Each structure stands twice: as C-alpha cells, then as structure tokens.
Protein backbone atom coordinates (compact mmCIF):
# COMPACT_ATOMS: atom_id res chain seq x y z
CA MET A 1 20.30 -4.84 -8.88
CA GLU A 2 22.61 -7.34 -6.92
CA LEU A 3 21.24 -9.30 -4.20
CA LEU A 4 21.74 -7.77 -0.82
CA SER A 5 23.18 -5.40 -2.10
CA THR A 6 22.29 -1.59 -0.31
CA GLU A 7 19.66 -0.62 -3.46
CA PHE A 8 18.32 -4.20 -3.26
CA LEU A 9 17.67 -3.93 0.57
CA THR A 10 16.68 0.07 0.57
CA ALA A 11 13.64 -1.21 -1.97
CA LEU A 12 12.66 -4.48 0.09
CA LEU A 13 12.76 -2.59 3.14
CA THR A 14 10.21 -0.09 1.30
CA ILE A 15 8.29 -2.46 0.14
CA ILE A 16 7.61 -3.78 3.87
CA VAL A 17 6.97 0.08 4.76
CA ILE A 18 4.11 -0.18 2.16
CA ASP A 19 2.62 -3.59 3.63
CA LEU A 20 3.02 -2.22 7.13
CA VAL A 21 1.01 0.78 6.54
CA LEU A 22 -1.34 -0.72 3.56
CA ALA A 23 -2.39 -4.15 5.93
CA GLY A 24 -5.28 -2.30 8.07
CA ASP A 25 -7.57 -3.12 4.54
CA ASN A 26 -6.55 -6.83 5.40
CA ALA A 27 -7.61 -6.61 8.64
CA ILE A 28 -10.50 -5.11 8.37
CA VAL A 29 -11.68 -7.19 5.23
CA ILE A 30 -10.60 -10.74 7.26
CA GLY A 31 -12.38 -9.33 10.29
CA MET A 32 -15.71 -8.40 8.58
CA ALA A 33 -15.73 -11.62 6.54
CA ALA A 34 -15.44 -13.72 9.49
CA LYS A 35 -17.24 -12.16 12.22
CA ASN A 36 -20.37 -14.50 12.20
CA LEU A 37 -18.04 -17.13 12.15
CA PRO A 38 -17.86 -19.84 15.15
CA LYS A 39 -14.60 -18.79 17.29
CA THR A 40 -13.32 -21.83 16.28
CA LYS A 41 -13.39 -21.87 12.34
CA GLN A 42 -12.48 -17.94 12.44
CA LYS A 43 -8.66 -19.07 12.77
CA THR A 44 -8.82 -21.23 9.52
CA VAL A 45 -10.45 -18.79 7.60
CA ILE A 46 -8.06 -16.02 8.86
CA ILE A 47 -5.12 -18.60 7.39
CA TRP A 48 -6.97 -19.63 3.87
CA GLY A 49 -8.27 -16.27 3.39
CA THR A 50 -4.96 -14.62 3.46
CA VAL A 51 -2.93 -17.21 1.88
CA GLY A 52 -5.31 -16.74 -1.03
CA ALA A 53 -5.49 -13.12 -0.94
CA VAL A 54 -1.97 -12.94 -0.77
CA VAL A 55 -1.49 -15.46 -4.12
CA MET A 56 -3.73 -13.21 -6.12
CA ARG A 57 -2.10 -10.34 -5.07
CA THR A 58 1.25 -11.30 -5.95
CA ILE A 59 0.05 -12.97 -9.26
CA LEU A 60 -1.10 -8.89 -9.68
CA THR A 61 1.88 -7.60 -8.62
CA LEU A 62 4.11 -9.28 -10.95
CA VAL A 63 1.65 -8.80 -14.19
CA VAL A 64 2.07 -4.77 -12.83
CA VAL A 65 5.86 -5.16 -12.56
CA TRP A 66 5.66 -6.04 -16.32
CA LEU A 67 2.94 -3.44 -17.27
CA LEU A 68 5.22 -0.55 -16.15
CA LYS A 69 7.57 -1.61 -18.75
CA ILE A 70 5.45 -0.26 -21.51
CA PRO A 71 6.25 3.38 -22.17
CA TYR A 72 4.50 6.18 -20.31
CA LEU A 73 2.50 3.81 -17.79
CA LEU A 74 5.55 4.13 -15.36
CA LEU A 75 4.28 7.47 -15.14
CA ILE A 76 0.78 6.99 -15.38
CA GLY A 77 1.33 4.79 -12.59
CA GLY A 78 3.66 7.66 -10.42
CA VAL A 79 0.92 9.97 -10.59
CA LEU A 80 -1.61 7.35 -9.71
CA LEU A 81 0.43 6.71 -6.65
CA LEU A 82 0.94 10.17 -5.68
CA TRP A 83 -3.14 10.32 -5.56
CA ILE A 84 -3.07 7.15 -3.63
CA ALA A 85 -0.41 8.60 -0.96
CA TYR A 86 -2.11 12.09 -0.35
CA LYS A 87 -5.44 9.73 -0.24
CA LEU A 88 -3.91 8.12 2.60
CA LEU A 89 -3.89 11.06 4.52
CA ALA A 90 -6.91 12.71 3.82
CA ASP A 91 -9.44 10.17 3.82
CA GLU A 92 -10.68 7.18 5.45
CA LYS A 93 -11.47 4.48 3.19
CA GLU A 94 -14.89 2.83 3.25
CA HIS A 95 -15.09 -0.88 3.45
CA ASP A 96 -18.53 -2.41 2.43
CA VAL A 97 -17.83 -6.22 3.00
CA LYS A 98 -20.91 -8.38 4.03
CA ALA A 99 -19.82 -11.15 7.00
CA ALA A 100 -20.03 -14.81 5.57
CA THR A 101 -22.22 -17.31 6.97
CA SER A 102 -19.86 -20.46 6.24
CA LEU A 103 -16.28 -21.21 6.10
CA ARG A 104 -16.28 -21.29 2.28
CA ALA A 105 -18.21 -18.40 1.47
CA ALA A 106 -15.67 -16.25 4.24
CA ILE A 107 -12.65 -17.31 2.46
CA GLN A 108 -14.30 -16.38 -0.96
CA THR A 109 -15.19 -13.13 0.15
CA ILE A 110 -11.85 -11.97 1.54
CA ILE A 111 -10.47 -13.26 -1.50
CA VAL A 112 -12.46 -11.23 -4.13
CA ALA A 113 -12.57 -8.19 -1.58
CA ASP A 114 -8.93 -7.99 -0.81
CA THR A 115 -8.17 -8.33 -5.02
CA ILE A 116 -10.56 -5.45 -5.67
CA MET A 117 -9.06 -3.28 -2.95
CA SER A 118 -5.50 -4.22 -3.19
CA LEU A 119 -4.74 -1.66 -6.39
CA ASP A 120 -2.65 0.74 -4.24
CA ASN A 121 -0.82 -1.84 -2.54
CA VAL A 122 0.23 -3.84 -5.66
CA LEU A 123 1.14 -0.34 -7.52
CA ALA A 124 3.30 0.81 -4.84
CA VAL A 125 4.89 -2.47 -4.44
CA ALA A 126 5.67 -3.08 -7.71
CA GLY A 127 6.76 0.45 -8.07
CA ALA A 128 9.18 -0.08 -5.47
CA ALA A 129 10.53 -3.35 -6.78
CA HIS A 130 12.39 -1.92 -9.64
CA ASN A 131 11.47 -4.53 -12.25
CA ASN A 132 13.02 -6.85 -9.80
CA TYR A 133 10.36 -10.27 -9.76
CA LEU A 134 12.52 -11.28 -6.68
CA LEU A 135 11.54 -8.19 -4.91
CA VAL A 136 7.79 -8.49 -4.95
CA ILE A 137 8.15 -12.16 -4.18
CA LEU A 138 10.18 -11.98 -1.16
CA GLY A 139 8.02 -8.18 -0.02
CA LEU A 140 4.74 -10.38 -0.27
CA LEU A 141 6.05 -13.26 1.62
CA ILE A 142 6.76 -11.10 4.12
CA SER A 143 3.35 -9.75 4.54
CA ILE A 144 2.07 -12.61 5.03
CA PRO A 145 2.69 -12.71 8.69
CA ILE A 146 2.23 -8.75 9.08
CA ILE A 147 -1.32 -9.41 7.41
CA VAL A 148 -2.35 -12.49 9.65
CA TRP A 149 -0.81 -11.54 13.12
CA GLY A 150 0.11 -7.86 12.83
CA SER A 151 -2.41 -5.78 10.78
CA ARG A 152 -5.03 -4.89 14.00
CA LEU A 153 -2.37 -4.42 16.33
CA PHE A 154 -0.49 -1.90 13.46
CA LEU A 155 -4.14 -0.16 13.01
CA LYS A 156 -4.71 0.53 16.64
CA LEU A 157 -0.99 2.04 16.38
CA MET A 158 -1.42 4.30 13.97
CA ASP A 159 -4.53 5.47 15.68
CA ARG A 160 -2.27 5.98 19.06
CA PHE A 161 0.57 7.18 16.38
CA PRO A 162 -0.33 9.65 13.67
CA VAL A 163 2.98 10.35 12.55
CA ILE A 164 3.39 6.40 11.51
CA ILE A 165 0.65 7.03 8.65
CA TYR A 166 2.99 10.43 7.57
CA ILE A 167 5.73 8.20 7.77
CA GLY A 168 4.00 5.73 4.96
CA SER A 169 2.95 7.93 3.27
CA GLY A 170 6.04 9.71 2.44
CA VAL A 171 7.20 6.59 1.60
CA LEU A 172 4.59 5.74 -0.73
CA ALA A 173 5.41 9.56 -2.51
CA TYR A 174 8.87 8.95 -2.55
CA THR A 175 8.13 5.57 -4.54
CA ALA A 176 5.78 7.61 -6.94
CA ALA A 177 8.37 10.26 -7.76
CA LYS A 178 11.02 7.42 -8.29
CA MET A 179 8.69 5.95 -10.97
CA ILE A 180 8.04 9.45 -12.61
CA VAL A 181 12.07 9.79 -12.65
CA ASP A 182 12.49 6.10 -13.76
CA GLU A 183 10.40 7.06 -17.15
CA LYS A 184 12.50 6.20 -20.29
CA LEU A 185 11.20 9.12 -21.78
CA ILE A 186 11.86 11.69 -18.58
CA HIS A 187 14.66 10.13 -17.15
CA PRO A 188 17.85 11.53 -19.03
CA PHE A 189 16.73 14.91 -18.39
CA PHE A 190 17.18 13.84 -14.40
CA ASN A 191 20.08 12.01 -15.69
CA GLN A 192 21.39 15.22 -16.68
CA ASN A 193 20.72 17.33 -13.57
CA PRO A 194 21.13 14.85 -10.79
CA TRP A 195 20.69 17.65 -8.10
CA LEU A 196 17.17 18.33 -9.69
CA GLU A 197 16.25 14.55 -9.09
CA TYR A 198 16.75 14.77 -5.53
CA ALA A 199 14.69 18.21 -5.11
CA PHE A 200 12.11 16.76 -7.05
CA TYR A 201 12.01 13.85 -4.57
CA ILE A 202 12.08 16.30 -1.98
CA ILE A 203 8.99 18.82 -3.37
CA VAL A 204 6.85 15.56 -4.26
CA VAL A 205 7.21 14.49 -0.37
CA VAL A 206 6.58 17.33 1.01
CA ALA A 207 3.58 19.17 -1.12
CA VAL A 208 2.17 14.71 -0.31
CA LEU A 209 2.07 15.28 3.44
CA LEU A 210 1.35 19.06 3.45
CA ALA A 211 -1.70 18.82 1.01
CA GLY A 212 -2.81 15.45 3.18
CA LYS A 213 -1.96 17.70 6.59
CA TRP A 214 -4.13 20.53 5.23
CA SER A 215 -7.06 18.18 3.88
CA ASN A 216 -7.27 17.03 7.66
CA MET A 217 -7.04 20.49 9.09
CA LYS A 218 -9.73 21.41 6.88
CA LYS A 219 -12.21 18.64 7.40
CA ASN A 220 -11.84 18.84 11.46
CA ASN A 221 -12.55 22.51 10.82
CA GLN A 222 -15.78 21.44 9.49
CA GLN A 223 -17.15 19.43 12.05
CA PRO A 224 -19.67 20.69 13.73
CA ALA A 225 -19.00 21.03 17.47
CA HIS A 226 -20.38 18.99 20.16
CA THR A 227 -22.49 20.59 22.76
CA ASN A 228 -23.65 19.98 26.31
C-alpha cells in the first residue's frame, strides 16, 4: 500500500470514522473518572489520561496487526468485528467506572478502563489498517484531538442524528467483511470470483444494519407504555 494512494487514504478515512463512532466510550470513561475532582484539575486529568490511553491503545493495536497475520485469526477477527458492529446498533454499553478522588487515581482509572474497553476500537483499526503500521499510528494520532475535544460533541450528534451510528456500524461491517475476504485461506476463492467479493461486502453490511434495526424495533416494542 503506497503512501497517499487512494487505497491508503481510504483506509485512513475508515480508521478516522471508526475512531469517531467509538470515541463515545472514551468520553464517558473520562467524564466518570474525573467528575469528583476540582474543575482546575479536570483538564489535566483529561489530557494525561487520554494520552496514556491512546499510547496503550496504539501498542495493543500494533500487537493485534501482527497477530492478524497468523492463519485463521483474520477470519476470527472479522467475525468478532461483525458482532461488534451489530452490538453497536443493538445495545447500549454499560460503563462501570468509579469516580476517582485524586489526580493520579483519575489518570490511572482512565488508562486502565479505556484499555479494558478498547477491544472494539483496537480490532476495527487493526482490520482497517491492512497490516500497515503507519496507518495505525496516523489513525490513532488523529484520534487524540477527537477523544479530547470532540467525543462529547459527537455523542450529542449521535443522539440527535441516529443515522450516524448506522453509518459507523456499516463501516465496521465492511471492515469485518474485508478482513474475512483477506484471510489467506479464503482469499483465492474470492479472487477467482471478483463479483462475489463485492456481493459479499454488500450482503454483510446490509445484514448487519437490518439485524441491528430489527433488534432496536423489537426492544422498543417490548418497552411498557407510559400511562398518565
């Protein structure tokens, strides 16, 4: 993959979209960990907690990129990412993060909690990077200002415009399908049938979006009606 080629820029854009959609977790973790601290210390916690979390996430992603070269792991990772794409639409994530009472404790809480909760982001970015370590680093560097300044705004936008979540889920589903197709033991089959590869992408993305939509509709129908 050549630097600044169409393929490189498309993969970078995909990573940025993934970071945007999944940045909400970071906003919640940071907010819950720092809420008991004085306003003067909250900014310091947000900056250092985010930097530490991104460093840990970068290391984890680089490790996952390397691991995905092992036979069958790309396929397994793709299937797992499909489930993550579906759950993004079907569920609200629970965040059990305790508020810290000191600067150091708050920073540690953010780093540890974010590292534990970052499987979806790490796997998605690693899959979208296509074994390109430069893409991983660029994508995660771009995610720093998104997490620090934009994540809370983006959470509000997702609440106001739910279509954004569906776009993000579609990107994740496409990335998952690409990982499955790129599995060395499966790729020759799709290579012989290029039309089947594109059909597979479309079917996977549509299936995930419809499944997520159906799950949401089912959940809404099961909620008891409020009586005056």
